[in-house]
Each structure stands twice: as structure tokens, then as C-alpha cells.
Full PDB file with SEQRES, HELIX, SHEET, SSBOND, CRYST1, ORIGX, SCALE, CONECT and MASTER records, all heavy atoms in Angstrom:
SEQRES   1 A   31  TYR SER GLU ILE ILE THR PRO PHE VAL THR ASP THR VAL          
SEQRES   2 A   31  GLN LEU PRO ASP ASP VAL LEU SER VAL GLU LEU GLU LYS          
SEQRES   3 A   31  ASN GLY GLY ALA VAL                                          
CRYST1    1.000    1.000    1.000  90.00  90.00  90.00 P 1           1          
ORIGX1      1.000000  0.000000  0.000000        0.00000                         
ORIGX2      0.000000  1.000000  0.000000        0.00000                         
ORIGX3      0.000000  0.000000  1.000000        0.00000                         
SCALE1      1.000000  0.000000  0.000000        0.00000                         
SCALE2      0.000000  1.000000  0.000000        0.00000                         
SCALE3      0.000000  0.000000  1.000000        0.00000                         
ATOM      1  N   TYR A   1     -20.235 -16.012 -79.669  1.00  0.00           N  
ATOM      2  CA  TYR A   1     -19.449 -17.250 -79.707  1.00  0.00           C  
ATOM      3  C   TYR A   1     -19.482 -17.809 -81.122  1.00  0.00           C  
ATOM      4  O   TYR A   1     -20.535 -17.864 -81.766  1.00  0.00           O  
ATOM      5  CB  TYR A   1     -20.035 -18.256 -78.717  1.00  0.00           C  
ATOM      6  CG  TYR A   1     -19.466 -19.648 -78.832  1.00  0.00           C  
ATOM      7  CD1 TYR A   1     -18.264 -19.978 -78.218  1.00  0.00           C  
ATOM      8  CD2 TYR A   1     -20.134 -20.633 -79.555  1.00  0.00           C  
ATOM      9  CE1 TYR A   1     -17.742 -21.260 -78.321  1.00  0.00           C  
ATOM     10  CE2 TYR A   1     -19.625 -21.915 -79.663  1.00  0.00           C  
ATOM     11  CZ  TYR A   1     -18.431 -22.224 -79.042  1.00  0.00           C  
ATOM     12  OH  TYR A   1     -17.908 -23.488 -79.140  1.00  0.00           O  
ATOM     13  N   SER A   2     -18.342 -18.208 -81.620  1.00  0.00           N  
ATOM     14  CA  SER A   2     -18.235 -18.681 -83.001  1.00  0.00           C  
ATOM     15  C   SER A   2     -18.454 -20.193 -83.039  1.00  0.00           C  
ATOM     16  O   SER A   2     -17.595 -20.963 -82.600  1.00  0.00           O  
ATOM     17  CB  SER A   2     -16.865 -18.326 -83.576  1.00  0.00           C  
ATOM     18  OG  SER A   2     -16.673 -16.934 -83.554  1.00  0.00           O  
ATOM     19  N   GLU A   3     -19.597 -20.617 -83.552  1.00  0.00           N  
ATOM     20  CA  GLU A   3     -19.912 -22.044 -83.621  1.00  0.00           C  
ATOM     21  C   GLU A   3     -18.986 -22.765 -84.601  1.00  0.00           C  
ATOM     22  O   GLU A   3     -18.549 -23.887 -84.347  1.00  0.00           O  
ATOM     23  CB  GLU A   3     -21.374 -22.230 -84.053  1.00  0.00           C  
ATOM     24  CG  GLU A   3     -22.397 -21.620 -83.110  1.00  0.00           C  
ATOM     25  CD  GLU A   3     -22.612 -22.467 -81.866  1.00  0.00           C  
ATOM     26  OE1 GLU A   3     -22.044 -23.569 -81.781  1.00  0.00           O  
ATOM     27  OE2 GLU A   3     -23.355 -21.997 -80.977  1.00  0.00           O  
ATOM     28  N   ILE A   4     -18.701 -22.115 -85.726  1.00  0.00           N  
ATOM     29  CA  ILE A   4     -17.818 -22.676 -86.745  1.00  0.00           C  
ATOM     30  C   ILE A   4     -16.587 -21.781 -86.860  1.00  0.00           C  
ATOM     31  O   ILE A   4     -16.709 -20.559 -86.971  1.00  0.00           O  
ATOM     32  CB  ILE A   4     -18.520 -22.787 -88.105  1.00  0.00           C  
ATOM     33  CG1 ILE A   4     -19.779 -23.655 -87.984  1.00  0.00           C  
ATOM     34  CG2 ILE A   4     -17.579 -23.350 -89.158  1.00  0.00           C  
ATOM     35  CD1 ILE A   4     -19.503 -25.097 -87.608  1.00  0.00           C  
ATOM     36  N   ILE A   5     -15.411 -22.378 -86.842  1.00  0.00           N  
ATOM     37  CA  ILE A   5     -14.166 -21.598 -86.923  1.00  0.00           C  
ATOM     38  C   ILE A   5     -13.239 -22.227 -87.964  1.00  0.00           C  
ATOM     39  O   ILE A   5     -13.388 -23.390 -88.352  1.00  0.00           O  
ATOM     40  CB  ILE A   5     -13.452 -21.526 -85.545  1.00  0.00           C  
ATOM     41  CG1 ILE A   5     -13.132 -22.929 -84.993  1.00  0.00           C  
ATOM     42  CG2 ILE A   5     -14.288 -20.749 -84.553  1.00  0.00           C  
ATOM     43  CD1 ILE A   5     -11.773 -23.452 -85.317  1.00  0.00           C  
ATOM     44  N   THR A   6     -12.283 -21.431 -88.422  1.00  0.00           N  
ATOM     45  CA  THR A   6     -11.184 -21.939 -89.240  1.00  0.00           C  
ATOM     46  C   THR A   6      -9.939 -21.934 -88.369  1.00  0.00           C  
ATOM     47  O   THR A   6      -9.454 -20.855 -87.996  1.00  0.00           O  
ATOM     48  CB  THR A   6     -10.955 -21.072 -90.486  1.00  0.00           C  
ATOM     49  OG1 THR A   6     -12.150 -21.043 -91.261  1.00  0.00           O  
ATOM     50  CG2 THR A   6      -9.809 -21.613 -91.328  1.00  0.00           C  
ATOM     51  N   PRO A   7      -9.439 -23.105 -87.974  1.00  0.00           N  
ATOM     52  CA  PRO A   7      -8.282 -23.139 -87.070  1.00  0.00           C  
ATOM     53  C   PRO A   7      -6.995 -22.769 -87.794  1.00  0.00           C  
ATOM     54  O   PRO A   7      -6.977 -22.596 -89.020  1.00  0.00           O  
ATOM     55  CB  PRO A   7      -8.258 -24.597 -86.613  1.00  0.00           C  
ATOM     56  CG  PRO A   7      -8.870 -25.353 -87.740  1.00  0.00           C  
ATOM     57  CD  PRO A   7      -9.910 -24.442 -88.344  1.00  0.00           C  
ATOM     58  N   PHE A   8      -5.932 -22.655 -87.020  1.00  0.00           N  
ATOM     59  CA  PHE A   8      -4.622 -22.423 -87.620  1.00  0.00           C  
ATOM     60  C   PHE A   8      -3.858 -23.741 -87.696  1.00  0.00           C  
ATOM     61  O   PHE A   8      -4.137 -24.700 -86.961  1.00  0.00           O  
ATOM     62  CB  PHE A   8      -3.815 -21.390 -86.830  1.00  0.00           C  
ATOM     63  CG  PHE A   8      -3.481 -21.796 -85.430  1.00  0.00           C  
ATOM     64  CD1 PHE A   8      -2.379 -22.602 -85.154  1.00  0.00           C  
ATOM     65  CD2 PHE A   8      -4.265 -21.374 -84.369  1.00  0.00           C  
ATOM     66  CE1 PHE A   8      -2.073 -22.983 -83.866  1.00  0.00           C  
ATOM     67  CE2 PHE A   8      -3.979 -21.746 -83.070  1.00  0.00           C  
ATOM     68  CZ  PHE A   8      -2.878 -22.556 -82.809  1.00  0.00           C  
ATOM     69  N   VAL A   9      -2.885 -23.772 -88.595  1.00  0.00           N  
ATOM     70  CA  VAL A   9      -1.964 -24.890 -88.745  1.00  0.00           C  
ATOM     71  C   VAL A   9      -0.565 -24.355 -88.518  1.00  0.00           C  
ATOM     72  O   VAL A   9      -0.231 -23.256 -88.980  1.00  0.00           O  
ATOM     73  CB  VAL A   9      -2.076 -25.526 -90.148  1.00  0.00           C  
ATOM     74  CG1 VAL A   9      -1.069 -26.658 -90.310  1.00  0.00           C  
ATOM     75  CG2 VAL A   9      -3.493 -26.020 -90.403  1.00  0.00           C  
ATOM     76  N   THR A  10       0.252 -25.090 -87.792  1.00  0.00           N  
ATOM     77  CA  THR A  10       1.622 -24.681 -87.501  1.00  0.00           C  
ATOM     78  C   THR A  10       2.581 -25.555 -88.297  1.00  0.00           C  
ATOM     79  O   THR A  10       2.552 -26.788 -88.175  1.00  0.00           O  
ATOM     80  CB  THR A  10       1.935 -24.808 -86.002  1.00  0.00           C  
ATOM     81  OG1 THR A  10       0.950 -24.097 -85.257  1.00  0.00           O  
ATOM     82  CG2 THR A  10       3.312 -24.246 -85.680  1.00  0.00           C  
ATOM     83  N   ASP A  11       3.437 -24.925 -89.108  1.00  0.00           N  
ATOM     84  CA  ASP A  11       4.414 -25.654 -89.921  1.00  0.00           C  
ATOM     85  C   ASP A  11       5.785 -25.008 -89.791  1.00  0.00           C  
ATOM     86  O   ASP A  11       5.899 -23.792 -89.589  1.00  0.00           O  
ATOM     87  CB  ASP A  11       4.018 -25.630 -91.404  1.00  0.00           C  
ATOM     88  CG  ASP A  11       2.821 -26.511 -91.706  1.00  0.00           C  
ATOM     89  OD1 ASP A  11       2.706 -27.577 -91.073  1.00  0.00           O  
ATOM     90  OD2 ASP A  11       2.003 -26.122 -92.565  1.00  0.00           O  
ATOM     91  N   THR A  12       6.805 -25.827 -89.907  1.00  0.00           N  
ATOM     92  CA  THR A  12       8.163 -25.311 -90.098  1.00  0.00           C  
ATOM     93  C   THR A  12       8.435 -25.291 -91.597  1.00  0.00           C  
ATOM     94  O   THR A  12       8.288 -26.321 -92.274  1.00  0.00           O  
ATOM     95  CB  THR A  12       9.197 -26.188 -89.388  1.00  0.00           C  
ATOM     96  OG1 THR A  12       8.924 -26.187 -87.982  1.00  0.00           O  
ATOM     97  CG2 THR A  12      10.607 -25.655 -89.615  1.00  0.00           C  
ATOM     98  N   VAL A  13       8.781 -24.133 -92.129  1.00  0.00           N  
ATOM     99  CA  VAL A  13       8.954 -23.986 -93.573  1.00  0.00           C  
ATOM    100  C   VAL A  13      10.384 -23.581 -93.902  1.00  0.00           C  
ATOM    101  O   VAL A  13      11.045 -22.870 -93.130  1.00  0.00           O  
ATOM    102  CB  VAL A  13       7.973 -22.929 -94.141  1.00  0.00           C  
ATOM    103  CG1 VAL A  13       6.538 -23.380 -93.949  1.00  0.00           C  
ATOM    104  CG2 VAL A  13       8.183 -21.578 -93.497  1.00  0.00           C  
ATOM    105  N   GLN A  14      10.881 -24.062 -95.029  1.00  0.00           N  
ATOM    106  CA  GLN A  14      12.172 -23.648 -95.551  1.00  0.00           C  
ATOM    107  C   GLN A  14      11.983 -22.346 -96.328  1.00  0.00           C  
ATOM    108  O   GLN A  14      11.037 -22.211 -97.109  1.00  0.00           O  
ATOM    109  CB  GLN A  14      12.765 -24.735 -96.457  1.00  0.00           C  
ATOM    110  CG  GLN A  14      12.937 -26.082 -95.769  1.00  0.00           C  
ATOM    111  CD  GLN A  14      13.816 -25.982 -94.534  1.00  0.00           C  
ATOM    112  OE1 GLN A  14      14.929 -25.451 -94.588  1.00  0.00           O  
ATOM    113  NE2 GLN A  14      13.316 -26.488 -93.409  1.00  0.00           N  
ATOM    114  N   LEU A  15      12.876 -21.415 -96.097  1.00  0.00           N  
ATOM    115  CA  LEU A  15      12.703 -20.083 -96.664  1.00  0.00           C  
ATOM    116  C   LEU A  15      13.440 -19.940 -97.989  1.00  0.00           C  
ATOM    117  O   LEU A  15      14.645 -20.214 -98.076  1.00  0.00           O  
ATOM    118  CB  LEU A  15      13.207 -19.021 -95.690  1.00  0.00           C  
ATOM    119  CG  LEU A  15      12.470 -18.932 -94.353  1.00  0.00           C  
ATOM    120  CD1 LEU A  15      13.119 -17.881 -93.452  1.00  0.00           C  
ATOM    121  CD2 LEU A  15      10.992 -18.609 -94.566  1.00  0.00           C  
ATOM    122  N   PRO A  16      12.759 -19.488 -99.029  1.00  0.00           N  
ATOM    123  CA  PRO A  16      13.448 -19.149-100.273  1.00  0.00           C  
ATOM    124  C   PRO A  16      14.216 -17.842-100.109  1.00  0.00           C  
ATOM    125  O   PRO A  16      14.080 -17.146 -99.105  1.00  0.00           O  
ATOM    126  CB  PRO A  16      12.299 -18.995-101.268  1.00  0.00           C  
ATOM    127  CG  PRO A  16      11.148 -18.563-100.422  1.00  0.00           C  
ATOM    128  CD  PRO A  16      11.324 -19.241 -99.095  1.00  0.00           C  
ATOM    129  N   ASP A  17      15.014 -17.501-101.094  1.00  0.00           N  
ATOM    130  CA  ASP A  17      15.790 -16.262-101.026  1.00  0.00           C  
ATOM    131  C   ASP A  17      14.951 -15.025-101.326  1.00  0.00           C  
ATOM    132  O   ASP A  17      15.358 -13.914-100.986  1.00  0.00           O  
ATOM    133  CB  ASP A  17      16.963 -16.321-102.020  1.00  0.00           C  
ATOM    134  CG  ASP A  17      17.981 -17.374-101.633  1.00  0.00           C  
ATOM    135  OD1 ASP A  17      18.093 -17.649-100.420  1.00  0.00           O  
ATOM    136  OD2 ASP A  17      18.641 -17.912-102.537  1.00  0.00           O  
ATOM    137  N   ASP A  18      13.814 -15.214-101.968  1.00  0.00           N  
ATOM    138  CA  ASP A  18      13.052 -14.043-102.416  1.00  0.00           C  
ATOM    139  C   ASP A  18      11.627 -14.007-101.876  1.00  0.00           C  
ATOM    140  O   ASP A  18      11.330 -13.240-100.970  1.00  0.00           O  
ATOM    141  CB  ASP A  18      13.054 -13.965-103.945  1.00  0.00           C  
ATOM    142  CG  ASP A  18      12.734 -15.310-104.587  1.00  0.00           C  
ATOM    143  OD1 ASP A  18      12.349 -16.248-103.868  1.00  0.00           O  
ATOM    144  OD2 ASP A  18      12.841 -15.409-105.827  1.00  0.00           O  
ATOM    145  N   VAL A  19      10.744 -14.855-102.395  1.00  0.00           N  
ATOM    146  CA  VAL A  19       9.322 -14.731-102.087  1.00  0.00           C  
ATOM    147  C   VAL A  19       8.782 -16.047-101.554  1.00  0.00           C  
ATOM    148  O   VAL A  19       9.052 -17.120-102.111  1.00  0.00           O  
ATOM    149  CB  VAL A  19       8.526 -14.302-103.341  1.00  0.00           C  
ATOM    150  CG1 VAL A  19       7.029 -14.314-103.060  1.00  0.00           C  
ATOM    151  CG2 VAL A  19       8.962 -12.906-103.795  1.00  0.00           C  
ATOM    152  N   LEU A  20       7.999 -15.935-100.453  1.00  0.00           N  
ATOM    153  CA  LEU A  20       7.305 -17.092 -99.895  1.00  0.00           C  
ATOM    154  C   LEU A  20       5.810 -16.918-100.128  1.00  0.00           C  
ATOM    155  O   LEU A  20       5.239 -15.876 -99.783  1.00  0.00           O  
ATOM    156  CB  LEU A  20       7.586 -17.217 -98.398  1.00  0.00           C  
ATOM    157  CG  LEU A  20       6.848 -18.351 -97.663  1.00  0.00           C  
ATOM    158  CD1 LEU A  20       7.398 -19.706 -98.099  1.00  0.00           C  
ATOM    159  CD2 LEU A  20       6.968 -18.183 -96.150  1.00  0.00           C  
ATOM    160  N   SER A  21       5.172 -17.934-100.700  1.00  0.00           N  
ATOM    161  CA  SER A  21       3.737 -17.881-100.963  1.00  0.00           C  
ATOM    162  C   SER A  21       2.974 -18.525 -99.808  1.00  0.00           C  
ATOM    163  O   SER A  21       3.335 -19.614 -99.345  1.00  0.00           O  
ATOM    164  CB  SER A  21       3.394 -18.605-102.267  1.00  0.00           C  
ATOM    165  OG  SER A  21       3.991 -17.951-103.370  1.00  0.00           O  
ATOM    166  N   VAL A  22       1.911 -17.832 -99.352  1.00  0.00           N  
ATOM    167  CA  VAL A  22       1.073 -18.334 -98.270  1.00  0.00           C  
ATOM    168  C   VAL A  22      -0.380 -18.232 -98.711  1.00  0.00           C  
ATOM    169  O   VAL A  22      -0.824 -17.181 -99.185  1.00  0.00           O  
ATOM    170  CB  VAL A  22       1.285 -17.526 -96.967  1.00  0.00           C  
ATOM    171  CG1 VAL A  22       0.346 -18.021 -95.867  1.00  0.00           C  
ATOM    172  CG2 VAL A  22       2.733 -17.615 -96.509  1.00  0.00           C  
ATOM    173  N   GLU A  23      -1.125 -19.320 -98.530  1.00  0.00           N  
ATOM    174  CA  GLU A  23      -2.540 -19.327 -98.870  1.00  0.00           C  
ATOM    175  C   GLU A  23      -3.348 -18.783 -97.690  1.00  0.00           C  
ATOM    176  O   GLU A  23      -3.195 -19.238 -96.550  1.00  0.00           O  
ATOM    177  CB  GLU A  23      -3.004 -20.744 -99.205  1.00  0.00           C  
ATOM    178  CG  GLU A  23      -2.331 -21.343-100.422  1.00  0.00           C  
ATOM    179  CD  GLU A  23      -2.609 -20.547-101.686  1.00  0.00           C  
ATOM    180  OE1 GLU A  23      -3.767 -20.084-101.850  1.00  0.00           O  
ATOM    181  OE2 GLU A  23      -1.681 -20.389-102.502  1.00  0.00           O  
ATOM    182  N   LEU A  24      -4.200 -17.812 -97.964  1.00  0.00           N  
ATOM    183  CA  LEU A  24      -5.052 -17.198 -96.945  1.00  0.00           C  
ATOM    184  C   LEU A  24      -6.499 -17.538 -97.233  1.00  0.00           C  
ATOM    185  O   LEU A  24      -6.976 -17.360 -98.352  1.00  0.00           O  
ATOM    186  CB  LEU A  24      -4.882 -15.679 -96.942  1.00  0.00           C  
ATOM    187  CG  LEU A  24      -3.475 -15.120 -96.744  1.00  0.00           C  
ATOM    188  CD1 LEU A  24      -3.493 -13.602 -96.904  1.00  0.00           C  
ATOM    189  CD2 LEU A  24      -2.918 -15.504 -95.385  1.00  0.00           C  
ATOM    190  N   GLU A  25      -7.210 -18.008 -96.218  1.00  0.00           N  
ATOM    191  CA  GLU A  25      -8.635 -18.236 -96.362  1.00  0.00           C  
ATOM    192  C   GLU A  25      -9.380 -16.903 -96.305  1.00  0.00           C  
ATOM    193  O   GLU A  25      -8.809 -15.864 -95.971  1.00  0.00           O  
ATOM    194  CB  GLU A  25      -9.133 -19.177 -95.265  1.00  0.00           C  
ATOM    195  CG  GLU A  25      -8.583 -20.582 -95.356  1.00  0.00           C  
ATOM    196  CD  GLU A  25      -8.948 -21.256 -96.672  1.00  0.00           C  
ATOM    197  OE1 GLU A  25     -10.140 -21.202 -97.063  1.00  0.00           O  
ATOM    198  OE2 GLU A  25      -8.042 -21.839 -97.311  1.00  0.00           O  
ATOM    199  N   LYS A  26     -10.666 -16.912 -96.623  1.00  0.00           N  
ATOM    200  CA  LYS A  26     -11.482 -15.712 -96.527  1.00  0.00           C  
ATOM    201  C   LYS A  26     -11.389 -15.139 -95.107  1.00  0.00           C  
ATOM    202  O   LYS A  26     -11.577 -15.857 -94.128  1.00  0.00           O  
ATOM    203  CB  LYS A  26     -12.937 -16.034 -96.870  1.00  0.00           C  
ATOM    204  CG  LYS A  26     -13.863 -14.834 -96.804  1.00  0.00           C  
ATOM    205  CD  LYS A  26     -15.292 -15.218 -97.171  1.00  0.00           C  
ATOM    206  CE  LYS A  26     -16.214 -14.017 -97.081  1.00  0.00           C  
ATOM    207  NZ  LYS A  26     -17.619 -14.361 -97.443  1.00  0.00           N  
ATOM    208  N   ASN A  27     -11.068 -13.848 -95.032  1.00  0.00           N  
ATOM    209  CA  ASN A  27     -10.912 -13.150 -93.749  1.00  0.00           C  
ATOM    210  C   ASN A  27      -9.879 -13.833 -92.843  1.00  0.00           C  
ATOM    211  O   ASN A  27      -9.984 -13.782 -91.622  1.00  0.00           O  
ATOM    212  CB  ASN A  27     -12.258 -13.054 -93.019  1.00  0.00           C  
ATOM    213  CG  ASN A  27     -13.299 -12.321 -93.825  1.00  0.00           C  
ATOM    214  OD1 ASN A  27     -12.980 -11.412 -94.593  1.00  0.00           O  
ATOM    215  ND2 ASN A  27     -14.560 -12.716 -93.687  1.00  0.00           N  
ATOM    216  N   GLY A  28      -8.900 -14.449 -93.462  1.00  0.00           N  
ATOM    217  CA  GLY A  28      -7.901 -15.211 -92.725  1.00  0.00           C  
ATOM    218  C   GLY A  28      -6.663 -14.418 -92.391  1.00  0.00           C  
ATOM    219  O   GLY A  28      -6.662 -13.186 -92.365  1.00  0.00           O  
ATOM    220  N   GLY A  29      -5.575 -15.145 -92.161  1.00  0.00           N  
ATOM    221  CA  GLY A  29      -4.332 -14.487 -91.789  1.00  0.00           C  
ATOM    222  C   GLY A  29      -3.206 -15.479 -91.628  1.00  0.00           C  
ATOM    223  O   GLY A  29      -3.363 -16.687 -91.858  1.00  0.00           O  
ATOM    224  N   ALA A  30      -2.052 -14.965 -91.228  1.00  0.00           N  
ATOM    225  CA  ALA A  30      -0.877 -15.808 -91.012  1.00  0.00           C  
ATOM    226  C   ALA A  30       0.137 -15.040 -90.187  1.00  0.00           C  
ATOM    227  O   ALA A  30       0.132 -13.800 -90.160  1.00  0.00           O  
ATOM    228  CB  ALA A  30      -0.263 -16.235 -92.351  1.00  0.00           C  
ATOM    229  N   VAL A  31       1.005 -15.794 -89.514  1.00  0.00           N  
ATOM    230  CA  VAL A  31       2.161 -15.235 -88.812  1.00  0.00           C  
ATOM    231  C   VAL A  31       3.370 -16.076 -89.182  1.00  0.00           C  
ATOM    232  O   VAL A  31       3.327 -17.311 -89.095  1.00  0.00           O  
ATOM    233  CB  VAL A  31       1.975 -15.235 -87.282  1.00  0.00           C  
ATOM    234  CG1 VAL A  31       3.242 -14.729 -86.594  1.00  0.00           C  
ATOM    235  CG2 VAL A  31       0.782 -14.391 -86.876  1.00  0.00           C  
TER     236      VAL A  31                                                      
MASTER        0    0    0    0    0    0    0    6  235    1    0    3          
END                                                                             
């Protein structure tokens, strides 16, 4: 059981035409 966790945040983002930058925490992820 994980006593301490890093939760997720849900955002609606506007998409650029080329590249979107996303910050990832240590051992993190994104969808």
C-alpha cells in the first residue's frame, strides 16, 4: 500500500500545431 502518492491533475488544454510540453514527475506519466 502506498502511504504517499503523487495524484493526477485533469486539465483541458489548447493544442498547438506542433509540440505540446508536459511536465513529468519522477516515475510519473500522462495521458
